[in-house]
Amino acid sequence: MARRQLKVVRLVEPDLCLECRFAQMASVELKDGSVQRMIHCRRLDCDNWDYSTAEAAKGVHVDDDGA
């Protein structure tokens, strides 16, 4: 994930992401240093994102799915 600008955005319908093939659970480090569990999306043009409250993230550690 080097050289990408990571953003934390609100999901319009979070339940849609649970079955999406582009979504994975991840630990996200925010600018203030706190870490939260969130959905990491590999799709760059999803209609389910609300950019109005977007904020920068410091880092992401995506969970391995074991596959």
Protein backbone atom coordinates (compact mmCIF):
# COMPACT_ATOMS: atom_id res chain seq x y z
CA MET A 1 0.00 0.00 0.00
CA ALA A 2 2.98 2.24 -0.44
CA ARG A 3 2.47 5.66 -2.02
CA ARG A 4 -1.31 5.63 -1.59
CA GLN A 5 -3.26 8.25 0.25
CA LEU A 6 -5.39 6.35 2.72
CA LYS A 7 -8.74 7.88 3.64
CA VAL A 8 -11.34 6.91 6.20
CA VAL A 9 -14.82 7.46 4.77
CA ARG A 10 -18.32 6.78 6.03
CA LEU A 11 -20.19 3.89 4.40
CA VAL A 12 -23.70 4.66 3.17
CA GLU A 13 -24.87 1.02 3.61
CA PRO A 14 -22.24 -0.90 5.63
CA ASP A 15 -24.09 -4.23 5.27
CA LEU A 16 -23.40 -4.21 1.53
CA CYS A 17 -19.67 -4.44 2.23
CA LEU A 18 -19.96 -7.62 4.29
CA GLU A 19 -20.51 -9.76 1.19
CA CYS A 20 -18.43 -7.69 -1.26
CA ARG A 21 -15.42 -9.44 -2.83
CA PHE A 22 -13.38 -6.21 -2.62
CA ALA A 23 -13.81 -5.78 1.16
CA GLN A 24 -11.59 -7.13 3.96
CA MET A 25 -11.42 -6.41 7.67
CA ALA A 26 -8.42 -4.36 8.72
CA SER A 27 -6.86 -2.54 11.64
CA VAL A 28 -6.62 1.13 10.69
CA GLU A 29 -4.29 3.59 12.42
CA LEU A 30 -5.75 7.08 12.49
CA LYS A 31 -3.83 10.37 12.54
CA ASP A 32 -4.18 10.65 16.33
CA GLY A 33 -2.46 7.27 16.78
CA SER A 34 -5.57 5.31 17.74
CA VAL A 35 -6.30 2.00 16.01
CA GLN A 36 -9.80 0.89 14.97
CA ARG A 37 -11.23 -2.17 13.20
CA MET A 38 -12.71 -1.16 9.86
CA ILE A 39 -13.50 -2.46 6.41
CA HIS A 40 -10.69 -2.00 3.88
CA CYS A 41 -11.91 -1.74 0.29
CA ARG A 42 -9.73 -2.54 -2.73
CA ARG A 43 -12.24 -0.97 -5.10
CA LEU A 44 -11.40 2.66 -5.86
CA ASP A 45 -14.77 3.82 -7.21
CA CYS A 46 -17.43 2.45 -4.90
CA ASP A 47 -20.83 4.19 -4.82
CA ASN A 48 -21.24 3.17 -1.16
CA TRP A 49 -18.75 5.77 0.10
CA ASP A 50 -19.65 9.14 1.62
CA TYR A 51 -16.66 11.46 1.19
CA SER A 52 -18.18 14.37 3.14
CA THR A 53 -16.43 13.31 6.38
CA ALA A 54 -13.26 11.83 4.86
CA GLU A 55 -10.14 12.00 7.00
CA ALA A 56 -6.60 10.78 6.45
CA ALA A 57 -5.35 7.49 7.90
CA LYS A 58 -1.77 6.75 8.90
CA GLY A 59 -1.72 3.06 8.10
CA VAL A 60 -3.70 -0.10 7.46
CA HIS A 61 -3.01 -3.71 8.39
CA VAL A 62 -5.35 -5.95 6.37
CA ASP A 63 -6.30 -9.28 7.93
CA ASP A 64 -5.13 -12.44 6.17
CA ASP A 65 -8.08 -14.57 5.12
CA GLY A 66 -6.08 -17.78 5.13
CA ALA A 67 -6.88 -18.63 1.52
